[in-house]
Amino acid sequence: MAKAKCEVKIKWKGWNRGGYAEVMNGWGVQAMLDQKANAAAAACNSTFTPKYGESGYSTATIGGSLARGRVVYTDSKHANVSERRHNRLQSAFGGD
């Protein structure tokens, strides 16, 4: 039996900002962010009881310095007060 040894040394020259932005703005990552944000908003809306004509939680796309992101926010004053009391967003993302 022959023994084989393989060594690969890669010199780290820092990260490529353009490549990072391209990956983060790619359709795969953006679709995953959409899915997670919509799931969090749906989970929060399922336990929130809005007043007549109000909506609870929504999502929006934000533009960062390198890549686009998502934000989940309350749509009304009632939802904001309820969020501060019940911490639905924190529990939707696995917080205590």
PDB file of N, CA and C in Angstrom:
ATOM      1  N   MET A   1       0.839  -1.167   0.000  1.00  0.00           N
ATOM      2  CA  MET A   1       0.000   0.000   0.000  1.00  0.00           C
ATOM      3  C   MET A   1       0.889   1.235   0.000  1.00  0.00           C
ATOM      4  N   ALA A   2       0.508   2.164  -0.794  1.00  0.00           N
ATOM      5  CA  ALA A   2       1.261   3.411  -0.890  1.00  0.00           C
ATOM      6  C   ALA A   2       0.624   4.449   0.010  1.00  0.00           C
ATOM      7  N   LYS A   3       1.456   5.279   0.580  1.00  0.00           N
ATOM      8  CA  LYS A   3       0.959   6.371   1.408  1.00  0.00           C
ATOM      9  C   LYS A   3       1.002   7.646   0.582  1.00  0.00           C
ATOM     10  N   ALA A   4      -0.062   8.394   0.656  1.00  0.00           N
ATOM     11  CA  ALA A   4      -0.127   9.653  -0.090  1.00  0.00           C
ATOM     12  C   ALA A   4      -0.379  10.780   0.889  1.00  0.00           C
ATOM     13  N   LYS A   5       0.228  11.895   0.626  1.00  0.00           N
ATOM     14  CA  LYS A   5       0.053  13.057   1.481  1.00  0.00           C
ATOM     15  C   LYS A   5      -0.233  14.252   0.582  1.00  0.00           C
ATOM     16  N   CYS A   6      -1.239  14.994   0.949  1.00  0.00           N
ATOM     17  CA  CYS A   6      -1.620  16.151   0.149  1.00  0.00           C
ATOM     18  C   CYS A   6      -1.636  17.379   1.046  1.00  0.00           C
ATOM     19  N   GLU A   7      -0.908  18.366   0.697  1.00  0.00           N
ATOM     20  CA  GLU A   7      -0.889  19.613   1.456  1.00  0.00           C
ATOM     21  C   GLU A   7      -1.220  20.763   0.525  1.00  0.00           C
ATOM     22  N   VAL A   8      -2.138  21.574   0.960  1.00  0.00           N
ATOM     23  CA  VAL A   8      -2.512  22.753   0.194  1.00  0.00           C
ATOM     24  C   VAL A   8      -2.393  23.944   1.120  1.00  0.00           C
ATOM     25  N   LYS A   9      -1.650  24.918   0.706  1.00  0.00           N
ATOM     26  CA  LYS A   9      -1.519  26.140   1.490  1.00  0.00           C
ATOM     27  C   LYS A   9      -2.111  27.286   0.689  1.00  0.00           C
ATOM     28  N   ILE A  10      -3.047  27.953   1.295  1.00  0.00           N
ATOM     29  CA  ILE A  10      -3.688  29.088   0.644  1.00  0.00           C
ATOM     30  C   ILE A  10      -3.306  30.336   1.414  1.00  0.00           C
ATOM     31  N   LYS A  11      -2.798  31.287   0.706  1.00  0.00           N
ATOM     32  CA  LYS A  11      -2.411  32.541   1.337  1.00  0.00           C
ATOM     33  C   LYS A  11      -3.630  33.447   1.423  1.00  0.00           C
ATOM     34  N   TRP A  12      -3.961  33.875   2.599  1.00  0.00           N
ATOM     35  CA  TRP A  12      -5.118  34.745   2.817  1.00  0.00           C
ATOM     36  C   TRP A  12      -4.715  36.177   2.526  1.00  0.00           C
ATOM     37  N   LYS A  13      -5.409  36.793   1.607  1.00  0.00           N
ATOM     38  CA  LYS A  13      -5.094  38.167   1.228  1.00  0.00           C
ATOM     39  C   LYS A  13      -6.227  39.109   1.574  1.00  0.00           C
ATOM     40  N   GLY A  14      -7.077  38.712   2.487  1.00  0.00           N
ATOM     41  CA  GLY A  14      -8.208  39.555   2.855  1.00  0.00           C
ATOM     42  C   GLY A  14      -9.433  39.166   2.059  1.00  0.00           C
ATOM     43  N   TRP A  15     -10.547  39.648   2.483  1.00  0.00           N
ATOM     44  CA  TRP A  15     -11.789  39.280   1.816  1.00  0.00           C
ATOM     45  C   TRP A  15     -12.102  40.248   0.696  1.00  0.00           C
ATOM     46  N   ASN A  16     -12.809  39.761  -0.271  1.00  0.00           N
ATOM     47  CA  ASN A  16     -13.156  40.516  -1.463  1.00  0.00           C
ATOM     48  C   ASN A  16     -14.553  41.112  -1.274  1.00  0.00           C
ATOM     49  N   ARG A  17     -14.621  42.415  -1.056  1.00  0.00           N
ATOM     50  CA  ARG A  17     -15.905  43.074  -0.804  1.00  0.00           C
ATOM     51  C   ARG A  17     -16.868  42.915  -1.975  1.00  0.00           C
ATOM     52  N   GLY A  18     -16.346  43.003  -3.172  1.00  0.00           N
ATOM     53  CA  GLY A  18     -17.201  42.862  -4.346  1.00  0.00           C
ATOM     54  C   GLY A  18     -17.796  41.469  -4.451  1.00  0.00           C
ATOM     55  N   GLY A  19     -16.989  40.463  -4.158  1.00  0.00           N
ATOM     56  CA  GLY A  19     -17.476  39.088  -4.187  1.00  0.00           C
ATOM     57  C   GLY A  19     -18.508  38.826  -3.105  1.00  0.00           C
ATOM     58  N   TYR A  20     -18.280  39.384  -1.914  1.00  0.00           N
ATOM     59  CA  TYR A  20     -19.237  39.246  -0.814  1.00  0.00           C
ATOM     60  C   TYR A  20     -20.571  39.870  -1.194  1.00  0.00           C
ATOM     61  N   ALA A  21     -20.518  41.075  -1.735  1.00  0.00           N
ATOM     62  CA  ALA A  21     -21.746  41.769  -2.128  1.00  0.00           C
ATOM     63  C   ALA A  21     -22.475  40.996  -3.224  1.00  0.00           C
ATOM     64  N   GLU A  22     -21.723  40.422  -4.150  1.00  0.00           N
ATOM     65  CA  GLU A  22     -22.339  39.662  -5.235  1.00  0.00           C
ATOM     66  C   GLU A  22     -23.052  38.418  -4.705  1.00  0.00           C
ATOM     67  N   VAL A  23     -22.426  37.727  -3.762  1.00  0.00           N
ATOM     68  CA  VAL A  23     -23.050  36.536  -3.178  1.00  0.00           C
ATOM     69  C   VAL A  23     -24.275  36.920  -2.355  1.00  0.00           C
ATOM     70  N   MET A  24     -24.151  37.939  -1.521  1.00  0.00           N
ATOM     71  CA  MET A  24     -25.255  38.336  -0.646  1.00  0.00           C
ATOM     72  C   MET A  24     -26.437  38.903  -1.429  1.00  0.00           C
ATOM     73  N   ASN A  25     -26.189  39.527  -2.565  1.00  0.00           N
ATOM     74  CA  ASN A  25     -27.264  40.061  -3.393  1.00  0.00           C
ATOM     75  C   ASN A  25     -27.778  39.042  -4.408  1.00  0.00           C
ATOM     76  N   GLY A  26     -27.200  37.848  -4.412  1.00  0.00           N
ATOM     77  CA  GLY A  26     -27.628  36.798  -5.336  1.00  0.00           C
ATOM     78  C   GLY A  26     -29.028  36.305  -5.006  1.00  0.00           C
ATOM     79  N   TRP A  27     -29.657  35.662  -5.979  1.00  0.00           N
ATOM     80  CA  TRP A  27     -31.050  35.245  -5.816  1.00  0.00           C
ATOM     81  C   TRP A  27     -31.227  34.226  -4.703  1.00  0.00           C
ATOM     82  N   GLY A  28     -30.251  33.358  -4.489  1.00  0.00           N
ATOM     83  CA  GLY A  28     -30.383  32.326  -3.462  1.00  0.00           C
ATOM     84  C   GLY A  28     -30.442  32.901  -2.057  1.00  0.00           C
ATOM     85  N   VAL A  29     -29.525  33.797  -1.755  1.00  0.00           N
ATOM     86  CA  VAL A  29     -29.492  34.414  -0.430  1.00  0.00           C
ATOM     87  C   VAL A  29     -30.695  35.327  -0.241  1.00  0.00           C
ATOM     88  N   GLN A  30     -31.057  36.070  -1.267  1.00  0.00           N
ATOM     89  CA  GLN A  30     -32.203  36.972  -1.163  1.00  0.00           C
ATOM     90  C   GLN A  30     -33.504  36.192  -0.980  1.00  0.00           C
ATOM     91  N   ALA A  31     -33.635  35.055  -1.649  1.00  0.00           N
ATOM     92  CA  ALA A  31     -34.828  34.220  -1.477  1.00  0.00           C
ATOM     93  C   ALA A  31     -34.899  33.671  -0.060  1.00  0.00           C
ATOM     94  N   MET A  32     -33.742  33.284   0.491  1.00  0.00           N
ATOM     95  CA  MET A  32     -33.711  32.788   1.861  1.00  0.00           C
ATOM     96  C   MET A  32     -34.101  33.888   2.844  1.00  0.00           C
ATOM     97  N   LEU A  33     -33.608  35.108   2.626  1.00  0.00           N
ATOM     98  CA  LEU A  33     -33.963  36.227   3.500  1.00  0.00           C
ATOM     99  C   LEU A  33     -35.451  36.541   3.413  1.00  0.00           C
ATOM    100  N   ASP A  34     -36.000  36.521   2.196  1.00  0.00           N
ATOM    101  CA  ASP A  34     -37.443  36.736   2.024  1.00  0.00           C
ATOM    102  C   ASP A  34     -38.242  35.700   2.801  1.00  0.00           C
ATOM    103  N   GLN A  35     -37.839  34.451   2.681  1.00  0.00           N
ATOM    104  CA  GLN A  35     -38.554  33.365   3.343  1.00  0.00           C
ATOM    105  C   GLN A  35     -38.507  33.532   4.858  1.00  0.00           C
ATOM    106  N   LYS A  36     -37.340  33.825   5.409  1.00  0.00           N
ATOM    107  CA  LYS A  36     -37.201  33.979   6.862  1.00  0.00           C
ATOM    108  C   LYS A  36     -37.986  35.183   7.369  1.00  0.00           C
ATOM    109  N   ALA A  37     -37.917  36.302   6.662  1.00  0.00           N
ATOM    110  CA  ALA A  37     -38.628  37.508   7.098  1.00  0.00           C
ATOM    111  C   ALA A  37     -40.133  37.314   7.016  1.00  0.00           C
ATOM    112  N   ASN A  38     -40.616  36.709   5.935  1.00  0.00           N
ATOM    113  CA  ASN A  38     -42.054  36.466   5.799  1.00  0.00           C
ATOM    114  C   ASN A  38     -42.553  35.470   6.837  1.00  0.00           C
ATOM    115  N   ALA A  39     -41.739  34.473   7.163  1.00  0.00           N
ATOM    116  CA  ALA A  39     -42.125  33.503   8.190  1.00  0.00           C
ATOM    117  C   ALA A  39     -42.200  34.166   9.561  1.00  0.00           C
ATOM    118  N   ALA A  40     -41.260  35.056   9.855  1.00  0.00           N
ATOM    119  CA  ALA A  40     -41.277  35.759  11.140  1.00  0.00           C
ATOM    120  C   ALA A  40     -42.488  36.674  11.244  1.00  0.00           C
ATOM    121  N   ALA A  41     -42.799  37.391  10.171  1.00  0.00           N
ATOM    122  CA  ALA A  41     -43.971  38.272  10.177  1.00  0.00           C
ATOM    123  C   ALA A  41     -45.253  37.459  10.318  1.00  0.00           C
ATOM    124  N   ALA A  42     -45.327  36.317   9.653  1.00  0.00           N
ATOM    125  CA  ALA A  42     -46.517  35.467   9.760  1.00  0.00           C
ATOM    126  C   ALA A  42     -46.669  34.908  11.171  1.00  0.00           C
ATOM    127  N   ALA A  43     -45.552  34.519  11.790  1.00  0.00           N
ATOM    128  CA  ALA A  43     -45.610  34.004  13.159  1.00  0.00           C
ATOM    129  C   ALA A  43     -46.076  35.086  14.125  1.00  0.00           C
ATOM    130  N   CYS A  44     -45.601  36.299  13.935  1.00  0.00           N
ATOM    131  CA  CYS A  44     -46.020  37.408  14.799  1.00  0.00           C
ATOM    132  C   CYS A  44     -47.480  37.767  14.559  1.00  0.00           C
ATOM    133  N   ASN A  45     -47.905  37.781  13.309  1.00  0.00           N
ATOM    134  CA  ASN A  45     -49.298  38.108  12.986  1.00  0.00           C
ATOM    135  C   ASN A  45     -50.276  37.047  13.483  1.00  0.00           C
ATOM    136  N   SER A  46     -49.808  35.806  13.615  1.00  0.00           N
ATOM    137  CA  SER A  46     -50.713  34.743  14.057  1.00  0.00           C
ATOM    138  C   SER A  46     -51.113  34.904  15.520  1.00  0.00           C
ATOM    139  N   THR A  47     -50.281  35.557  16.323  1.00  0.00           N
ATOM    140  CA  THR A  47     -50.605  35.741  17.739  1.00  0.00           C
ATOM    141  C   THR A  47     -51.075  37.153  18.052  1.00  0.00           C
ATOM    142  N   PHE A  48     -51.057  38.035  17.073  1.00  0.00           N
ATOM    143  CA  PHE A  48     -51.458  39.429  17.279  1.00  0.00           C
ATOM    144  C   PHE A  48     -52.922  39.602  16.897  1.00  0.00           C
ATOM    145  N   THR A  49     -53.680  40.305  17.736  1.00  0.00           N
ATOM    146  CA  THR A  49     -55.087  40.588  17.452  1.00  0.00           C
ATOM    147  C   THR A  49     -55.219  42.063  17.092  1.00  0.00           C
ATOM    148  N   PRO A  50     -55.306  42.374  15.804  1.00  0.00           N
ATOM    149  CA  PRO A  50     -55.380  43.786  15.407  1.00  0.00           C
ATOM    150  C   PRO A  50     -56.762  44.375  15.648  1.00  0.00           C
ATOM    151  N   LYS A  51     -56.787  45.675  15.805  1.00  0.00           N
ATOM    152  CA  LYS A  51     -58.062  46.378  15.867  1.00  0.00           C
ATOM    153  C   LYS A  51     -58.620  46.464  14.445  1.00  0.00           C
ATOM    154  N   TYR A  52     -59.873  46.872  14.320  1.00  0.00           N
ATOM    155  CA  TYR A  52     -60.518  46.943  13.013  1.00  0.00           C
ATOM    156  C   TYR A  52     -59.757  47.897  12.088  1.00  0.00           C
ATOM    157  N   GLY A  53     -59.416  47.428  10.906  1.00  0.00           N
ATOM    158  CA  GLY A  53     -58.743  48.253   9.911  1.00  0.00           C
ATOM    159  C   GLY A  53     -57.238  48.361  10.095  1.00  0.00           C
ATOM    160  N   GLU A  54     -56.677  47.666  11.067  1.00  0.00           N
ATOM    161  CA  GLU A  54     -55.238  47.721  11.302  1.00  0.00           C
ATOM    162  C   GLU A  54     -54.563  46.473  10.753  1.00  0.00           C
ATOM    163  N   SER A  55     -53.291  46.616  10.512  1.00  0.00           N
ATOM    164  CA  SER A  55     -52.480  45.448  10.196  1.00  0.00           C
ATOM    165  C   SER A  55     -51.415  45.328  11.277  1.00  0.00           C
ATOM    166  N   GLY A  56     -50.823  44.168  11.383  1.00  0.00           N
ATOM    167  CA  GLY A  56     -49.879  43.919  12.465  1.00  0.00           C
ATOM    168  C   GLY A  56     -48.434  44.122  12.073  1.00  0.00           C
ATOM    169  N   TYR A  57     -47.835  43.106  11.479  1.00  0.00           N
ATOM    170  CA  TYR A  57     -46.417  43.108  11.147  1.00  0.00           C
ATOM    171  C   TYR A  57     -46.237  43.007   9.637  1.00  0.00           C
ATOM    172  N   SER A  58     -45.225  43.684   9.120  1.00  0.00           N
ATOM    173  CA  SER A  58     -44.914  43.659   7.690  1.00  0.00           C
ATOM    174  C   SER A  58     -43.414  43.520   7.503  1.00  0.00           C
ATOM    175  N   THR A  59     -43.004  43.271   6.268  1.00  0.00           N
ATOM    176  CA  THR A  59     -41.585  43.184   5.935  1.00  0.00           C
ATOM    177  C   THR A  59     -41.263  44.197   4.847  1.00  0.00           C
ATOM    178  N   ALA A  60     -40.014  44.589   4.795  1.00  0.00           N
ATOM    179  CA  ALA A  60     -39.541  45.509   3.762  1.00  0.00           C
ATOM    180  C   ALA A  60     -38.100  45.165   3.416  1.00  0.00           C
ATOM    181  N   THR A  61     -37.705  45.506   2.216  1.00  0.00           N
ATOM    182  CA  THR A  61     -36.326  45.333   1.775  1.00  0.00           C
ATOM    183  C   THR A  61     -35.569  46.619   2.040  1.00  0.00           C
ATOM    184  N   ILE A  62     -34.393  46.493   2.643  1.00  0.00           N
ATOM    185  CA  ILE A  62     -33.561  47.662   2.912  1.00  0.00           C
ATOM    186  C   ILE A  62     -32.245  47.509   2.162  1.00  0.00           C
ATOM    187  N   GLY A  63     -31.668  48.612   1.778  1.00  0.00           N
ATOM    188  CA  GLY A  63     -30.396  48.588   1.075  1.00  0.00           C
ATOM    189  C   GLY A  63     -29.261  48.910   2.027  1.00  0.00           C
ATOM    190  N   GLY A  64     -28.358  47.973   2.202  1.00  0.00           N
ATOM    191  CA  GLY A  64     -27.207  48.187   3.059  1.00  0.00           C
ATOM    192  C   GLY A  64     -26.029  48.707   2.262  1.00  0.00           C
ATOM    193  N   SER A  65     -24.919  48.926   2.931  1.00  0.00           N
ATOM    194  CA  SER A  65     -23.738  49.428   2.237  1.00  0.00           C
ATOM    195  C   SER A  65     -23.129  48.362   1.327  1.00  0.00           C
ATOM    196  N   LEU A  66     -23.324  47.088   1.656  1.00  0.00           N
ATOM    197  CA  LEU A  66     -22.799  46.012   0.815  1.00  0.00           C
ATOM    198  C   LEU A  66     -23.886  45.176   0.155  1.00  0.00           C
ATOM    199  N   ALA A  67     -24.966  44.934   0.863  1.00  0.00           N
ATOM    200  CA  ALA A  67     -25.994  44.039   0.330  1.00  0.00           C
ATOM    201  C   ALA A  67     -27.369  44.449   0.838  1.00  0.00           C
ATOM    202  N   ARG A  68     -28.391  43.972   0.141  1.00  0.00           N
ATOM    203  CA  ARG A  68     -29.766  44.227   0.565  1.00  0.00           C
ATOM    204  C   ARG A  68     -30.119  43.308   1.727  1.00  0.00           C
ATOM    205  N   GLY A  69     -31.014  43.788   2.577  1.00  0.00           N
ATOM    206  CA  GLY A  69     -31.459  43.001   3.716  1.00  0.00           C
ATOM    207  C   GLY A  69     -32.957  43.119   3.880  1.00  0.00           C
ATOM    208  N   ARG A  70     -33.480  42.521   4.918  1.00  0.00           N
ATOM    209  CA  ARG A  70     -34.910  42.564   5.209  1.00  0.00           C
ATOM    210  C   ARG A  70     -35.116  43.067   6.626  1.00  0.00           C
ATOM    211  N   VAL A  71     -36.243  43.734   6.827  1.00  0.00           N
ATOM    212  CA  VAL A  71     -36.620  44.201   8.155  1.00  0.00           C
ATOM    213  C   VAL A  71     -38.078  43.812   8.381  1.00  0.00           C
ATOM    214  N   VAL A  72     -38.375  43.367   9.596  1.00  0.00           N
ATOM    215  CA  VAL A  72     -39.744  43.061  10.004  1.00  0.00           C
ATOM    216  C   VAL A  72     -40.138  44.157  10.978  1.00  0.00           C
ATOM    217  N   TYR A  73     -41.276  44.802  10.722  1.00  0.00           N
ATOM    218  CA  TYR A  73     -41.660  45.946  11.543  1.00  0.00           C
ATOM    219  C   TYR A  73     -43.152  45.924  11.839  1.00  0.00           C
ATOM    220  N   THR A  74     -43.548  46.722  12.835  1.00  0.00           N
ATOM    221  CA  THR A  74     -44.964  46.850  13.175  1.00  0.00           C
ATOM    222  C   THR A  74     -45.570  47.942  12.315  1.00  0.00           C
ATOM    223  N   ASP A  75     -46.839  47.743  11.924  1.00  0.00           N
ATOM    224  CA  ASP A  75     -47.512  48.682  11.026  1.00  0.00           C
ATOM    225  C   ASP A  75     -48.309  49.764  11.736  1.00  0.00           C
ATOM    226  N   SER A  76     -48.629  49.566  12.998  1.00  0.00           N
ATOM    227  CA  SER A  76     -49.503  50.519  13.673  1.00  0.00           C
ATOM    228  C   SER A  76     -49.016  50.774  15.096  1.00  0.00           C
ATOM    229  N   LYS A  77     -49.566  51.803  15.690  1.00  0.00           N
ATOM    230  CA  LYS A  77     -49.213  52.137  17.069  1.00  0.00           C
ATOM    231  C   LYS A  77     -49.646  51.015  18.011  1.00  0.00           C
ATOM    232  N   HIS A  78     -50.829  50.469  17.771  1.00  0.00           N
ATOM    233  CA  HIS A  78     -51.331  49.367  18.600  1.00  0.00           C
ATOM    234  C   HIS A  78     -50.392  48.158  18.516  1.00  0.00           C
ATOM    235  N   ALA A  79     -49.927  47.838  17.315  1.00  0.00           N
ATOM    236  CA  ALA A  79     -49.006  46.715  17.134  1.00  0.00           C
ATOM    237  C   ALA A  79     -47.669  46.990  17.813  1.00  0.00           C
ATOM    238  N   ASN A  80     -47.220  48.239  17.774  1.00  0.00           N
ATOM    239  CA  ASN A  80     -45.962  48.600  18.414  1.00  0.00           C
ATOM    240  C   ASN A  80     -46.056  48.435  19.929  1.00  0.00           C
ATOM    241  N   VAL A  81     -47.142  48.914  20.522  1.00  0.00           N
ATOM    242  CA  VAL A  81     -47.327  48.780  21.970  1.00  0.00           C
ATOM    243  C   VAL A  81     -47.431  47.303  22.344  1.00  0.00           C
ATOM    244  N   SER A  82     -48.162  46.546  21.545  1.00  0.00           N
ATOM    245  CA  SER A  82     -48.306  45.116  21.795  1.00  0.00           C
ATOM    246  C   SER A  82     -46.967  44.393  21.655  1.00  0.00           C
ATOM    247  N   GLU A  83     -46.157  44.804  20.689  1.00  0.00           N
ATOM    248  CA  GLU A  83     -44.826  44.209  20.503  1.00  0.00           C
ATOM    249  C   GLU A  83     -43.945  44.468  21.716  1.00  0.00           C
ATOM    250  N   ARG A  84     -43.992  45.671  22.233  1.00  0.00           N
ATOM    251  CA  ARG A  84     -43.174  46.005  23.402  1.00  0.00           C
ATOM    252  C   ARG A  84     -43.613  45.209  24.627  1.00  0.00           C
ATOM    253  N   ARG A  85     -44.874  44.891  24.702  1.00  0.00           N
ATOM    254  CA  ARG A  85     -45.387  44.138  25.844  1.00  0.00           C
ATOM    255  C   ARG A  85     -45.114  42.638  25.713  1.00  0.00           C
ATOM    256  N   HIS A  86     -45.310  42.075  24.513  1.00  0.00           N
ATOM    257  CA  HIS A  86     -45.255  40.621  24.340  1.00  0.00           C
ATOM    258  C   HIS A  86     -43.983  40.100  23.674  1.00  0.00           C
ATOM    259  N   ASN A  87     -43.153  40.957  23.108  1.00  0.00           N
ATOM    260  CA  ASN A  87     -41.876  40.569  22.477  1.00  0.00           C
ATOM    261  C   ASN A  87     -42.035  39.448  21.447  1.00  0.00           C
ATOM    262  N   ARG A  88     -42.965  39.607  20.542  1.00  0.00           N
ATOM    263  CA  ARG A  88     -43.224  38.576  19.532  1.00  0.00           C
ATOM    264  C   ARG A  88     -42.044  38.402  18.573  1.00  0.00           C
ATOM    265  N   LEU A  89     -41.432  39.493  18.154  1.00  0.00           N
ATOM    266  CA  LEU A  89     -40.303  39.388  17.220  1.00  0.00           C
ATOM    267  C   LEU A  89     -39.129  38.668  17.864  1.00  0.00           C
ATOM    268  N   GLN A  90     -38.872  38.966  19.112  1.00  0.00           N
ATOM    269  CA  GLN A  90     -37.772  38.311  19.812  1.00  0.00           C
ATOM    270  C   GLN A  90     -38.021  36.808  19.902  1.00  0.00           C
ATOM    271  N   SER A  91     -39.244  36.421  20.216  1.00  0.00           N
ATOM    272  CA  SER A  91     -39.542  34.989  20.314  1.00  0.00           C
ATOM    273  C   SER A  91     -39.580  34.329  18.933  1.00  0.00           C
ATOM    274  N   ALA A  92     -39.945  35.066  17.894  1.00  0.00           N
ATOM    275  CA  ALA A  92     -39.965  34.499  16.540  1.00  0.00           C
ATOM    276  C   ALA A  92     -38.566  34.148  16.059  1.00  0.00           C
ATOM    277  N   PHE A  93     -37.569  34.883  16.533  1.00  0.00           N
ATOM    278  CA  PHE A  93     -36.190  34.624  16.132  1.00  0.00           C
ATOM    279  C   PHE A  93     -35.420  33.817  17.166  1.00  0.00           C
ATOM    280  N   GLY A  94     -36.135  33.184  18.094  1.00  0.00           N
ATOM    281  CA  GLY A  94     -35.488  32.275  19.034  1.00  0.00           C
ATOM    282  C   GLY A  94     -34.946  32.922  20.286  1.00  0.00           C
ATOM    283  N   GLY A  95     -35.335  34.146  20.577  1.00  0.00           N
ATOM    284  CA  GLY A  95     -34.880  34.795  21.803  1.00  0.00           C
ATOM    285  C   GLY A  95     -35.742  34.406  22.978  1.00  0.00           C
ATOM    286  N   ASP A  96     -35.350  34.840  24.142  1.00  0.00           N
ATOM    287  CA  ASP A  96     -36.110  34.520  25.364  1.00  0.00           C
ATOM    288  C   ASP A  96     -37.250  35.462  25.582  1.00  0.00           C
TER     289      ASP A  96
END
